[in-house]
Amino acid sequence: MKSVLLSVRHRWLLVPSSRGVTRHRVQIYEGGKLLHDFVSPLASAEVEWWAPIDLVSSLGRQITLTSEDETLFDLVRWTQERPSPCDLYREPLRPLFHFSCRQGWLNDPNGLVWYRGEYHLFYQHNPYFTDWGNMHWGHAVSRDLVHWTELDIALFPDEHGAMFSGCAVWDKENTSGLDPDGSMALLYTGAKEDSVQCLAHSSDGREFIKYSGNPVIPTIERGNRDPKVFRDDARDRWLMALYVPDGARHAIHLLSSRDLKRWTPLSRVLGGEGKDAFLFECPDMFPLRWQDEERWILIGADGQYLIGSFDGTTFVPGTEPLRSIFGTSYYAGQTFDSEPRDRRVLIGWLRGPANGGTFSQCMSLPLEVSLAEGDDGPRIALNPVSEVETLRKPEQTWPGVSLEEGQREVLAEAMDGFALSIVISEENDGHLALQVGEIGLLYDPASRQLSCGETSVRIPGKAAALDIRIYGDRTTLEIFAAGGLIYWPIADAATSRSLSVEARRGRVDLAMISLSRMKSSWPGALD
């Protein structure tokens, strides 16, 4: 490693990056203290983008910049203002109404919490380039779950390792003793060879202080990670669901604490083994009401879940592993703590291909979680929160559409953000083919199968009528069917889409079609 001493006269240090070049380690020290430590594809010639590093705390002092590639020393730049592309939030592949970070990579949503008048969304974030690595906690806030403002990075890697996934809670009663007025507490994984669970807190939801006694949970088993904490008011304590592998078997451990700092094991729930991803990482656990009874949900990263009971110590499954989320795009969803309307609201990561820009990946729509009647008892239903409807433009409707076999109706030639709703009438002999850009869906009412490519999903229930809703954005489709019992997100890389419906193998009667364009949720974006 080579090093150079630099005086910090401007807030932002810009590091040149480019695709397809060798990755090198970079470290920044001040007075012997490590401030930043990351690996990035450093550009030595053509610079595709500049990774901004905030050094506001070092203004007026000197830093030591070290790198495996000493050509970096002549290429870095300084600026007082964070650079913003002229088309920021208006890029051709920027999702219009799904959260994405302004630059870099994001994956798992972390620390979803309502705190002092704002929704907070933290997320796994690589600020230096557009692929996974260098895990920090990115941070954004919203007052309506729709319009998000990205803030400064909340958590940086430290002596405990990279900042892996975790959660946030509002410690209103100061059970932690960290702030007399109560604070936001972050529980997260410090990821090295032996990962540990750590605690940070903030009074204002902007500046975060890592607890001096970290880690609060030492390594249980190698690979333990992703704490999800929730309040147990009846017993005046906190509970945690934590992924802890048991050899090749996935497992979720339950723990309790009075103060968020000292944790006691309670029990565990076993999941799948090996490639069976049931209860593999990023757990969430919460109660939902069903017919005036409380049911508990335990869900893993891929969306498989159990419905059961919880007595304060042990979760007892009442079902086999279930699915309401289909496809391969959704991952690592988490629900909000302290949601002000007493809803259970979930956001997941929609895994998609790289788009070639200076940012990569996006989140799902915020989804309200409830229980609804399935084929054999209650099942999770997921539907967009009502706030999403504020982005709708005036809709066009087609009431009572009848399609003869082979007849095709074009609904729109090109749309980059839309909400489409189709109600299929009770009696139909034919199949409904729905074309959304290059993605084709087919519904067979006889078998109740909804298909996309080689994948098919059976629609639960026995009612012949069916509602299908699709929210299409530039790089995502989110399909909802049967009142939300089916949620099927698809992440791809289209810029706009044509929409059409067609009858195959017989006549198809549709009670209603409605279509709305969706506004952009980004500041200054053109609708």
Protein backbone atom coordinates (compact mmCIF):
# COMPACT_ATOMS: atom_id res chain seq x y z
CA MET A 1 0.00 0.00 0.00
CA LYS A 2 1.28 3.46 -0.97
CA SER A 3 0.23 6.60 0.89
CA VAL A 4 0.12 10.37 0.52
CA LEU A 5 -0.69 13.16 3.00
CA LEU A 6 -3.46 15.52 1.86
CA SER A 7 -4.87 18.73 3.34
CA VAL A 8 -8.68 18.78 3.48
CA ARG A 9 -9.77 22.21 2.19
CA HIS A 10 -13.04 21.05 0.61
CA ARG A 11 -15.77 18.76 1.93
CA TRP A 12 -15.91 16.15 -0.83
CA LEU A 13 -13.09 13.94 -2.07
CA LEU A 14 -13.92 12.41 -5.46
CA VAL A 15 -12.49 9.00 -6.33
CA PRO A 16 -12.47 8.00 -10.04
CA SER A 17 -14.18 4.72 -10.94
CA SER A 18 -14.73 2.71 -14.08
CA ARG A 19 -16.14 -0.67 -15.07
CA GLY A 20 -13.98 -3.53 -16.20
CA VAL A 21 -10.77 -2.46 -14.45
CA THR A 22 -8.82 -3.92 -11.55
CA ARG A 23 -10.24 -3.32 -8.10
CA HIS A 24 -7.95 -1.85 -5.48
CA ARG A 25 -8.20 -1.25 -1.76
CA VAL A 26 -8.32 2.36 -0.57
CA GLN A 27 -8.03 3.60 3.02
CA ILE A 28 -8.31 7.08 4.50
CA TYR A 29 -6.89 7.91 7.92
CA GLU A 30 -6.90 11.00 10.09
CA GLY A 31 -4.44 11.09 12.97
CA GLY A 32 -4.10 7.32 12.85
CA LYS A 33 -7.87 6.75 12.97
CA LEU A 34 -9.32 4.81 10.06
CA LEU A 35 -12.16 6.82 8.47
CA HIS A 36 -12.84 4.89 5.26
CA ASP A 37 -11.79 1.46 4.02
CA PHE A 38 -13.14 0.17 0.72
CA VAL A 39 -12.39 -1.69 -2.50
CA SER A 40 -13.25 -0.04 -5.80
CA PRO A 41 -12.49 -0.37 -9.53
CA LEU A 42 -10.21 2.65 -9.75
CA ALA A 43 -10.08 4.38 -13.12
CA SER A 44 -6.62 5.27 -14.39
CA ALA A 45 -7.73 6.61 -17.75
CA GLU A 46 -11.37 6.97 -18.75
CA VAL A 47 -13.48 7.88 -15.71
CA GLU A 48 -17.08 6.68 -15.83
CA TRP A 49 -18.12 8.28 -12.58
CA TRP A 50 -16.77 9.89 -9.43
CA ALA A 51 -17.44 8.30 -6.04
CA PRO A 52 -17.97 11.14 -3.53
CA ILE A 53 -16.50 10.74 -0.03
CA ASP A 54 -17.73 13.14 2.63
CA LEU A 55 -14.84 14.51 4.73
CA VAL A 56 -16.71 17.32 6.46
CA SER A 57 -15.43 16.17 9.87
CA SER A 58 -11.83 16.52 8.64
CA LEU A 59 -12.07 20.03 7.16
CA GLY A 60 -8.99 22.09 7.99
CA ARG A 61 -6.96 19.04 8.92
CA GLN A 62 -4.82 16.49 7.11
CA ILE A 63 -5.70 12.96 6.03
CA THR A 64 -3.56 10.07 4.83
CA LEU A 65 -4.81 8.48 1.63
CA THR A 66 -3.48 4.97 1.00
CA SER A 67 -4.03 2.78 -2.03
CA GLU A 68 -2.73 -0.29 -3.78
CA ASP A 69 -2.73 1.84 -6.95
CA GLU A 70 -0.65 4.98 -6.47
CA THR A 71 -1.92 6.52 -9.72
CA LEU A 72 -5.03 7.36 -7.68
CA PHE A 73 -3.12 10.14 -5.90
CA ASP A 74 -2.91 12.23 -9.08
CA LEU A 75 -6.50 11.55 -10.15
CA VAL A 76 -8.59 12.39 -7.07
CA ARG A 77 -10.49 15.67 -7.10
CA TRP A 78 -11.93 17.96 -4.46
CA THR A 79 -15.17 19.91 -4.39
CA GLN A 80 -17.07 21.87 -1.77
CA GLU A 81 -20.50 20.78 -3.03
CA ARG A 82 -21.52 17.21 -3.68
CA PRO A 83 -21.59 16.80 -7.46
CA SER A 84 -24.99 16.06 -8.97
CA PRO A 85 -25.53 14.92 -12.54
CA CYS A 86 -27.62 17.38 -14.52
CA ASP A 87 -30.22 14.66 -15.04
CA LEU A 88 -30.31 13.40 -11.43
CA TYR A 89 -33.64 11.60 -10.79
CA ARG A 90 -34.50 12.01 -14.48
CA GLU A 91 -32.14 9.36 -15.87
CA PRO A 92 -33.78 7.11 -18.51
CA LEU A 93 -33.61 4.00 -16.30
CA ARG A 94 -34.32 5.67 -12.96
CA PRO A 95 -37.52 4.14 -11.53
CA LEU A 96 -40.20 6.82 -11.36
CA PHE A 97 -41.89 5.80 -8.14
CA HIS A 98 -39.69 3.13 -6.55
CA PHE A 99 -36.91 4.22 -4.23
CA SER A 100 -33.37 4.00 -5.61
CA CYS A 101 -30.20 5.60 -4.26
CA ARG A 102 -28.78 8.59 -6.10
CA GLN A 103 -25.47 6.81 -6.78
CA GLY A 104 -23.96 3.40 -6.10
CA TRP A 105 -25.57 0.11 -5.18
CA LEU A 106 -28.38 -0.81 -2.78
CA ASN A 107 -29.85 -4.08 -1.59
CA ASP A 108 -31.64 -5.16 1.62
CA PRO A 109 -33.91 -2.57 3.25
CA ASN A 110 -32.80 -2.03 6.85
CA GLY A 111 -34.06 -0.13 9.86
CA LEU A 112 -37.58 0.67 8.68
CA VAL A 113 -39.07 2.88 11.38
CA TRP A 114 -41.44 5.80 11.94
CA TYR A 115 -39.62 8.28 14.17
CA ARG A 116 -40.69 11.77 15.23
CA GLY A 117 -42.83 12.49 12.19
CA GLU A 118 -40.84 10.73 9.47
CA TYR A 119 -40.55 7.31 7.89
CA HIS A 120 -36.92 6.20 7.83
CA LEU A 121 -35.58 3.78 5.24
CA PHE A 122 -32.05 2.49 5.74
CA TYR A 123 -30.54 0.08 3.26
CA GLN A 124 -27.46 -1.91 2.39
CA HIS A 125 -25.35 0.44 0.31
CA ASN A 126 -22.10 0.49 -1.64
CA PRO A 127 -21.44 4.20 -2.21
CA TYR A 128 -18.30 3.61 -4.28
CA PHE A 129 -19.64 1.64 -7.20
CA THR A 130 -22.69 -0.10 -8.69
CA ASP A 131 -22.27 -3.64 -7.44
CA TRP A 132 -22.34 -5.41 -4.08
CA GLY A 133 -19.54 -4.78 -1.57
CA ASN A 134 -18.26 -2.21 0.95
CA MET A 135 -21.49 -2.45 2.91
CA HIS A 136 -22.63 0.79 4.58
CA TRP A 137 -26.10 1.80 5.73
CA GLY A 138 -27.63 4.27 3.30
CA HIS A 139 -30.46 6.43 4.63
CA ALA A 140 -33.58 8.15 3.30
CA VAL A 141 -36.65 9.75 4.89
CA SER A 142 -40.24 10.37 3.83
CA ARG A 143 -43.43 11.75 5.32
CA ASP A 144 -45.74 9.76 3.05
CA LEU A 145 -43.87 6.54 2.03
CA VAL A 146 -43.84 7.81 -1.55
CA HIS A 147 -41.59 10.87 -1.78
CA TRP A 148 -38.14 10.07 -0.38
CA THR A 149 -35.19 12.33 0.42
CA GLU A 150 -31.79 10.67 0.58
CA LEU A 151 -29.64 11.71 3.54
CA ASP A 152 -26.00 11.16 4.46
CA ILE A 153 -24.72 7.64 5.08
CA ALA A 154 -25.80 6.50 8.55
CA LEU A 155 -23.33 3.71 9.36
CA PHE A 156 -19.79 3.16 8.07
CA PRO A 157 -17.72 -0.03 8.38
CA ASP A 158 -15.62 -0.17 11.55
CA GLU A 159 -13.48 -2.54 13.63
CA HIS A 160 -16.42 -4.98 13.79
CA GLY A 161 -16.56 -5.25 10.01
CA ALA A 162 -18.90 -4.23 7.21
CA MET A 163 -22.33 -2.91 8.15
CA PHE A 164 -24.67 -5.79 7.32
CA SER A 165 -28.45 -5.86 7.68
CA GLY A 166 -30.46 -5.01 10.77
CA CYS A 167 -33.36 -2.96 12.05
CA ALA A 168 -34.43 0.21 13.86
CA VAL A 169 -36.84 0.81 16.73
CA TRP A 170 -38.12 3.90 18.50
CA ASP A 171 -37.01 3.55 22.11
CA LYS A 172 -39.61 5.99 23.42
CA GLU A 173 -39.13 5.15 27.11
CA ASN A 174 -35.32 5.25 26.96
CA THR A 175 -35.05 1.61 28.03
CA SER A 176 -31.48 1.67 26.74
CA GLY A 177 -30.50 4.59 28.97
CA LEU A 178 -28.80 6.21 25.98
CA ASP A 179 -31.00 9.32 25.72
CA PRO A 180 -33.35 10.69 28.41
CA ASP A 181 -35.81 11.87 25.74
CA GLY A 182 -35.83 8.54 23.96
CA SER A 183 -34.01 7.76 20.74
CA MET A 184 -33.93 5.78 17.55
CA ALA A 185 -31.94 2.60 18.12
CA LEU A 186 -30.28 0.69 15.28
CA LEU A 187 -29.45 -3.00 15.74
CA TYR A 188 -27.16 -4.30 13.01
CA THR A 189 -24.59 -6.94 12.12
CA GLY A 190 -20.89 -6.14 12.14
CA ALA A 191 -19.71 -8.59 9.50
CA LYS A 192 -16.27 -10.09 9.58
CA GLU A 193 -15.19 -13.74 9.73
CA ASP A 194 -17.08 -13.98 13.03
CA SER A 195 -20.07 -11.64 12.79
CA VAL A 196 -21.50 -9.88 15.84
CA GLN A 197 -24.61 -7.81 16.59
CA CYS A 198 -24.16 -4.14 17.43
CA LEU A 199 -26.15 -1.11 18.59
CA ALA A 200 -26.21 2.53 17.54
CA HIS A 201 -28.55 5.36 18.50
CA SER A 202 -29.68 8.81 17.42
CA SER A 203 -31.81 11.51 19.01
CA ASP A 204 -32.46 13.47 15.81
CA GLY A 205 -32.57 10.64 13.25
CA ARG A 206 -29.62 12.15 11.41
CA GLU A 207 -26.43 11.67 13.45
CA PHE A 208 -25.77 8.17 14.76
CA ILE A 209 -23.58 7.18 17.68
CA LYS A 210 -22.32 3.63 17.93
CA TYR A 211 -22.65 2.15 21.41
CA SER A 212 -19.28 2.02 23.20
CA GLY A 213 -20.06 -1.44 24.55
CA ASN A 214 -20.46 -3.09 21.15
CA PRO A 215 -21.00 -5.87 20.34
CA VAL A 216 -24.22 -6.39 22.29
CA ILE A 217 -24.40 -10.01 21.07
CA PRO A 218 -21.13 -11.85 20.41
CA THR A 219 -20.87 -14.55 17.77
CA ILE A 220 -23.33 -17.39 18.39
CA GLU A 221 -22.45 -19.29 15.22
CA ARG A 222 -20.41 -18.13 12.26
CA GLY A 223 -22.76 -16.42 9.80
CA ASN A 224 -25.28 -15.22 12.41
CA ARG A 225 -26.77 -11.95 11.20
CA ASP A 226 -29.71 -9.68 10.41
CA PRO A 227 -31.36 -8.82 13.77
CA LYS A 228 -35.03 -7.76 13.66
CA VAL A 229 -36.21 -6.27 16.96
CA PHE A 230 -39.76 -5.49 18.09
CA ARG A 231 -41.43 -4.38 21.30
CA ASP A 232 -43.19 -6.79 23.69
CA ASP A 233 -45.24 -4.26 25.66
CA ALA A 234 -47.09 -6.91 27.65
CA ARG A 235 -43.82 -8.05 29.22
CA ASP A 236 -42.02 -4.69 29.14
CA ARG A 237 -39.13 -5.92 27.01
CA TRP A 238 -37.70 -6.15 23.52
CA LEU A 239 -37.63 -9.28 21.37
CA MET A 240 -35.25 -10.13 18.56
CA ALA A 241 -35.44 -12.57 15.65
CA LEU A 242 -31.88 -13.39 14.51
CA TYR A 243 -30.66 -15.64 11.72
CA VAL A 244 -28.29 -18.26 13.18
CA PRO A 245 -27.24 -21.16 10.95
CA ASP A 246 -27.21 -24.60 12.55
CA GLY A 247 -24.68 -26.41 10.39
CA ALA A 248 -26.35 -26.76 7.00
CA ARG A 249 -29.76 -26.02 8.56
CA HIS A 250 -31.23 -22.51 8.57
CA ALA A 251 -32.65 -21.34 11.88
CA ILE A 252 -34.11 -18.23 13.50
CA HIS A 253 -33.21 -17.63 17.14
CA LEU A 254 -35.49 -15.60 19.40
CA LEU A 255 -33.93 -13.48 22.15
CA SER A 256 -35.17 -10.95 24.72
CA SER A 257 -33.79 -7.80 26.35
CA ARG A 258 -34.91 -5.10 28.77
CA ASP A 259 -32.46 -2.48 27.51
CA LEU A 260 -31.41 -3.40 23.94
CA LYS A 261 -27.89 -4.03 25.28
CA ARG A 262 -28.09 -7.34 27.16
CA TRP A 263 -29.81 -10.20 25.37
CA THR A 264 -31.08 -13.55 26.65
CA PRO A 265 -31.77 -16.55 24.36
CA LEU A 266 -35.37 -17.80 24.37
CA SER A 267 -35.89 -20.41 21.66
CA ARG A 268 -35.34 -21.14 17.99
CA VAL A 269 -37.31 -22.09 14.89
CA LEU A 270 -35.74 -24.43 12.33
CA GLY A 271 -35.99 -23.72 8.62
CA GLY A 272 -34.78 -25.37 5.44
CA GLU A 273 -31.49 -27.12 4.83
CA GLY A 274 -28.82 -26.29 2.27
CA LYS A 275 -30.37 -24.91 -0.91
CA ASP A 276 -33.84 -24.96 0.66
CA ALA A 277 -33.91 -21.23 1.51
CA PHE A 278 -36.84 -21.39 3.94
CA LEU A 279 -35.96 -19.06 6.86
CA PHE A 280 -32.58 -18.22 5.33
CA GLU A 281 -31.44 -14.78 6.62
CA CYS A 282 -33.22 -11.43 7.06
CA PRO A 283 -36.09 -12.63 9.29
CA ASP A 284 -39.10 -10.61 10.38
CA MET A 285 -41.69 -11.56 12.98
CA PHE A 286 -44.94 -9.77 13.78
CA PRO A 287 -48.59 -10.31 14.78
CA LEU A 288 -51.64 -9.85 12.54
CA ARG A 289 -55.33 -10.02 13.41
CA TRP A 290 -57.49 -12.76 11.96
CA GLN A 291 -61.16 -13.14 12.94
CA ASP A 292 -60.57 -11.37 16.25
CA GLU A 293 -57.60 -13.56 17.05
CA GLU A 294 -53.89 -12.82 17.03
CA ARG A 295 -51.76 -14.81 14.63
CA TRP A 296 -47.97 -14.53 14.45
CA ILE A 297 -46.01 -14.41 11.21
CA LEU A 298 -42.38 -15.53 10.85
CA ILE A 299 -40.92 -14.77 7.43
CA GLY A 300 -37.50 -15.14 5.81
CA ALA A 301 -35.63 -13.32 3.09
CA ASP A 302 -37.19 -15.14 0.12
CA GLY A 303 -40.74 -14.45 1.31
CA GLN A 304 -41.62 -17.94 2.60
CA TYR A 305 -43.45 -17.66 5.91
CA LEU A 306 -45.17 -19.49 8.74
CA ILE A 307 -48.40 -18.58 10.52
CA GLY A 308 -48.44 -19.68 14.13
CA SER A 309 -48.69 -18.70 17.78
CA PHE A 310 -46.22 -17.10 20.16
CA ASP A 311 -46.41 -17.33 23.96
CA GLY A 312 -43.61 -14.87 24.68
CA THR A 313 -40.93 -17.54 24.54
CA THR A 314 -41.64 -20.01 21.75
CA PHE A 315 -43.04 -19.59 18.26
CA VAL A 316 -45.20 -22.61 17.40
CA PRO A 317 -45.88 -23.01 13.65
CA GLY A 318 -49.49 -23.69 12.73
CA THR A 319 -48.80 -24.18 9.03
CA GLU A 320 -46.27 -25.61 6.65
CA PRO A 321 -44.07 -23.04 4.85
CA LEU A 322 -46.32 -20.78 2.79
CA ARG A 323 -45.89 -18.34 -0.08
CA SER A 324 -47.71 -15.20 -1.09
CA ILE A 325 -44.64 -13.73 -2.86
CA PHE A 326 -43.58 -15.33 -6.13
CA GLY A 327 -40.78 -15.04 -8.65
CA THR A 328 -37.10 -14.39 -7.96
CA SER A 329 -36.95 -10.60 -7.85
CA TYR A 330 -38.17 -9.95 -4.29
CA TYR A 331 -35.75 -10.35 -1.39
CA ALA A 332 -35.10 -9.42 2.25
CA GLY A 333 -38.27 -7.47 2.96
CA GLN A 334 -38.79 -5.79 6.32
CA THR A 335 -41.73 -4.12 8.07
CA PHE A 336 -41.83 -0.73 9.78
CA ASP A 337 -41.54 -0.26 13.51
CA SER A 338 -43.92 2.24 15.19
CA GLU A 339 -46.05 2.76 12.05
CA PRO A 340 -48.31 5.70 12.98
CA ARG A 341 -51.53 4.31 11.45
CA ASP A 342 -51.07 0.95 13.13
CA ARG A 343 -50.54 -0.74 9.78
CA ARG A 344 -48.04 -3.47 9.02
CA VAL A 345 -46.08 -1.98 6.07
CA LEU A 346 -43.38 -3.92 4.25
CA ILE A 347 -40.70 -2.87 1.76
CA GLY A 348 -38.48 -5.38 -0.05
CA TRP A 349 -35.51 -5.23 -2.37
CA LEU A 350 -36.31 -5.88 -6.05
CA ARG A 351 -33.26 -7.62 -7.47
CA GLY A 352 -32.67 -6.60 -11.06
CA PRO A 353 -29.95 -6.54 -13.71
CA ALA A 354 -27.37 -3.75 -13.77
CA ASN A 355 -28.59 -0.82 -15.83
CA GLY A 356 -25.22 0.57 -16.87
CA GLY A 357 -25.77 3.83 -14.99
CA THR A 358 -24.29 5.34 -11.85
CA PHE A 359 -26.88 3.66 -9.60
CA SER A 360 -28.19 0.11 -9.39
CA GLN A 361 -31.23 -1.66 -7.87
CA CYS A 362 -34.44 -0.37 -6.31
CA MET A 363 -36.94 -1.12 -3.57
CA SER A 364 -40.47 -2.46 -3.91
CA LEU A 365 -43.52 -0.33 -3.41
CA PRO A 366 -44.47 0.01 0.25
CA LEU A 367 -46.96 -2.81 0.83
CA GLU A 368 -49.63 -3.17 3.49
CA VAL A 369 -49.61 -6.66 4.98
CA SER A 370 -52.83 -8.33 6.13
CA LEU A 371 -54.40 -11.77 6.38
CA ALA A 372 -57.07 -12.92 3.92
CA GLU A 373 -58.89 -16.18 3.27
CA GLY A 374 -56.85 -18.61 1.17
CA ASP A 375 -57.46 -22.16 0.03
CA ASP A 376 -56.95 -23.59 3.50
CA GLY A 377 -57.17 -20.86 6.11
CA PRO A 378 -55.66 -17.38 6.35
CA ARG A 379 -52.78 -16.32 4.12
CA ILE A 380 -50.74 -13.15 3.81
CA ALA A 381 -52.15 -10.58 1.39
CA LEU A 382 -49.94 -7.74 0.12
CA ASN A 383 -51.28 -4.55 -1.42
CA PRO A 384 -49.76 -1.13 -2.16
CA VAL A 385 -50.33 1.37 0.64
CA SER A 386 -53.02 3.95 -0.10
CA GLU A 387 -50.41 6.72 -0.42
CA VAL A 388 -49.26 5.23 -3.73
CA GLU A 389 -52.60 6.27 -5.24
CA THR A 390 -51.59 9.95 -4.91
CA LEU A 391 -49.23 9.40 -7.83
CA ARG A 392 -51.98 8.33 -10.22
CA LYS A 393 -52.94 10.58 -13.09
CA PRO A 394 -56.53 10.55 -14.43
CA GLU A 395 -57.42 7.04 -15.55
CA GLN A 396 -58.84 5.68 -18.75
CA THR A 397 -61.46 2.96 -18.38
CA TRP A 398 -62.87 0.23 -20.62
CA PRO A 399 -66.05 -1.19 -19.03
CA GLY A 400 -67.47 -4.49 -20.21
CA VAL A 401 -64.77 -5.60 -22.69
CA SER A 402 -65.50 -8.79 -24.66
CA LEU A 403 -62.72 -10.37 -26.72
CA GLU A 404 -63.37 -13.07 -29.27
CA GLU A 405 -60.70 -15.74 -29.76
CA GLY A 406 -57.63 -14.14 -31.37
CA GLN A 407 -58.91 -10.60 -30.82
CA ARG A 408 -56.30 -8.20 -29.42
CA GLU A 409 -56.94 -4.84 -27.79
CA VAL A 410 -54.06 -2.36 -27.54
CA LEU A 411 -54.35 -0.31 -24.36
CA ALA A 412 -51.26 1.87 -24.78
CA GLU A 413 -48.35 2.10 -27.21
CA ALA A 414 -45.69 3.23 -24.72
CA MET A 415 -45.83 3.85 -20.99
CA ASP A 416 -42.89 4.10 -18.59
CA GLY A 417 -44.95 4.36 -15.40
CA PHE A 418 -48.50 3.05 -15.07
CA ALA A 419 -51.12 1.36 -12.91
CA LEU A 420 -53.28 -1.21 -14.75
CA SER A 421 -56.30 -2.97 -13.28
CA ILE A 422 -58.23 -5.79 -14.97
CA VAL A 423 -61.30 -7.52 -13.57
CA ILE A 424 -61.98 -10.86 -15.28
CA SER A 425 -65.66 -11.83 -15.37
CA GLU A 426 -66.93 -14.93 -13.67
CA GLU A 427 -67.54 -17.14 -16.70
CA ASN A 428 -64.82 -17.48 -19.33
CA ASP A 429 -63.85 -20.27 -21.69
CA GLY A 430 -60.76 -18.62 -23.16
CA HIS A 431 -57.39 -17.65 -21.78
CA LEU A 432 -56.46 -14.02 -21.19
CA ALA A 433 -53.06 -13.04 -22.62
CA LEU A 434 -51.68 -9.80 -21.25
CA GLN A 435 -48.61 -8.33 -22.95
CA VAL A 436 -46.60 -5.75 -21.00
CA GLY A 437 -43.70 -4.72 -23.19
CA GLU A 438 -41.69 -7.88 -23.73
CA ILE A 439 -43.23 -9.65 -20.74
CA GLY A 440 -46.23 -11.86 -21.38
CA LEU A 441 -48.74 -13.09 -18.80
CA LEU A 442 -51.37 -15.75 -19.41
CA TYR A 443 -54.36 -16.61 -17.23
CA ASP A 444 -56.20 -19.91 -17.66
CA PRO A 445 -59.52 -19.74 -15.75
CA ALA A 446 -60.07 -23.50 -15.88
CA SER A 447 -56.87 -24.36 -14.03
CA ARG A 448 -56.68 -20.98 -12.27
CA GLN A 449 -53.05 -20.73 -13.37
CA LEU A 450 -51.34 -17.38 -13.93
CA SER A 451 -48.19 -17.89 -15.98
CA CYS A 452 -45.17 -15.85 -17.00
CA GLY A 453 -42.63 -17.63 -19.15
CA GLU A 454 -41.95 -21.05 -17.63
CA THR A 455 -43.32 -20.11 -14.20
CA SER A 456 -46.95 -20.64 -13.15
CA VAL A 457 -48.80 -19.70 -9.99
CA ARG A 458 -52.17 -21.07 -8.96
CA ILE A 459 -54.67 -18.41 -7.95
CA PRO A 460 -56.12 -19.35 -4.53
CA GLY A 461 -59.84 -19.57 -3.85
CA LYS A 462 -62.75 -20.80 -5.91
CA ALA A 463 -64.36 -17.60 -7.19
CA ALA A 464 -64.38 -17.48 -10.99
CA ALA A 465 -63.97 -13.70 -11.10
CA LEU A 466 -60.42 -12.41 -10.69
CA ASP A 467 -58.76 -9.04 -10.23
CA ILE A 468 -55.25 -8.45 -11.57
CA ARG A 469 -53.42 -5.20 -10.86
CA ILE A 470 -50.02 -4.28 -12.28
CA TYR A 471 -47.84 -1.35 -11.29
CA GLY A 472 -45.27 -0.86 -14.01
CA ASP A 473 -42.20 1.28 -13.63
CA ARG A 474 -39.19 1.69 -15.88
CA THR A 475 -37.36 -1.32 -14.50
CA THR A 476 -40.03 -3.21 -12.54
CA LEU A 477 -43.45 -4.78 -12.76
CA GLU A 478 -45.35 -5.58 -9.57
CA ILE A 479 -48.29 -7.92 -10.16
CA PHE A 480 -51.07 -8.29 -7.58
CA ALA A 481 -53.88 -10.82 -7.97
CA ALA A 482 -56.76 -12.22 -5.91
CA GLY A 483 -56.86 -9.28 -3.55
CA GLY A 484 -53.14 -9.44 -2.87
CA LEU A 485 -52.89 -13.16 -2.08
CA ILE A 486 -50.55 -13.24 -5.08
CA TYR A 487 -47.69 -10.73 -5.22
CA TRP A 488 -45.33 -11.30 -8.13
CA PRO A 489 -42.67 -8.65 -8.77
CA ILE A 490 -40.50 -8.81 -11.88
CA ALA A 491 -37.38 -6.65 -12.20
CA ASP A 492 -36.05 -6.11 -15.70
CA ALA A 493 -34.58 -3.22 -17.68
CA ALA A 494 -37.22 -1.83 -20.05
CA THR A 495 -37.56 1.92 -20.56
CA SER A 496 -41.19 1.97 -21.68
CA ARG A 497 -43.83 -0.61 -22.43
CA SER A 498 -46.74 -1.22 -24.74
CA LEU A 499 -49.83 -2.78 -23.17
CA SER A 500 -52.35 -5.10 -24.77
CA VAL A 501 -54.86 -7.83 -23.94
CA GLU A 502 -55.82 -10.77 -26.16
CA ALA A 503 -58.20 -13.73 -26.02
CA ARG A 504 -56.76 -17.18 -26.72
CA ARG A 505 -58.46 -20.58 -26.97
CA GLY A 506 -61.89 -19.04 -26.67
CA ARG A 507 -63.83 -15.92 -25.73
CA VAL A 508 -62.80 -13.74 -22.77
CA ASP A 509 -65.11 -11.31 -20.97
CA LEU A 510 -63.60 -8.58 -18.83
CA ALA A 511 -65.81 -6.66 -16.44
CA MET A 512 -63.45 -3.68 -16.38
CA ILE A 513 -60.06 -2.40 -17.50
CA SER A 514 -58.61 0.78 -16.04
CA LEU A 515 -55.25 2.36 -16.81
CA SER A 516 -53.49 5.34 -15.25
CA ARG A 517 -50.13 6.92 -15.85
CA MET A 518 -48.07 7.35 -12.71
CA LYS A 519 -46.29 10.56 -11.74
CA SER A 520 -42.65 10.61 -10.77
CA SER A 521 -42.05 10.78 -7.02
CA TRP A 522 -38.66 12.46 -7.40
CA PRO A 523 -38.00 16.16 -6.72
CA GLY A 524 -37.83 18.28 -9.85
CA ALA A 525 -38.63 15.38 -12.14
CA LEU A 526 -40.81 16.00 -15.17
CA ASP A 527 -44.16 14.18 -15.19
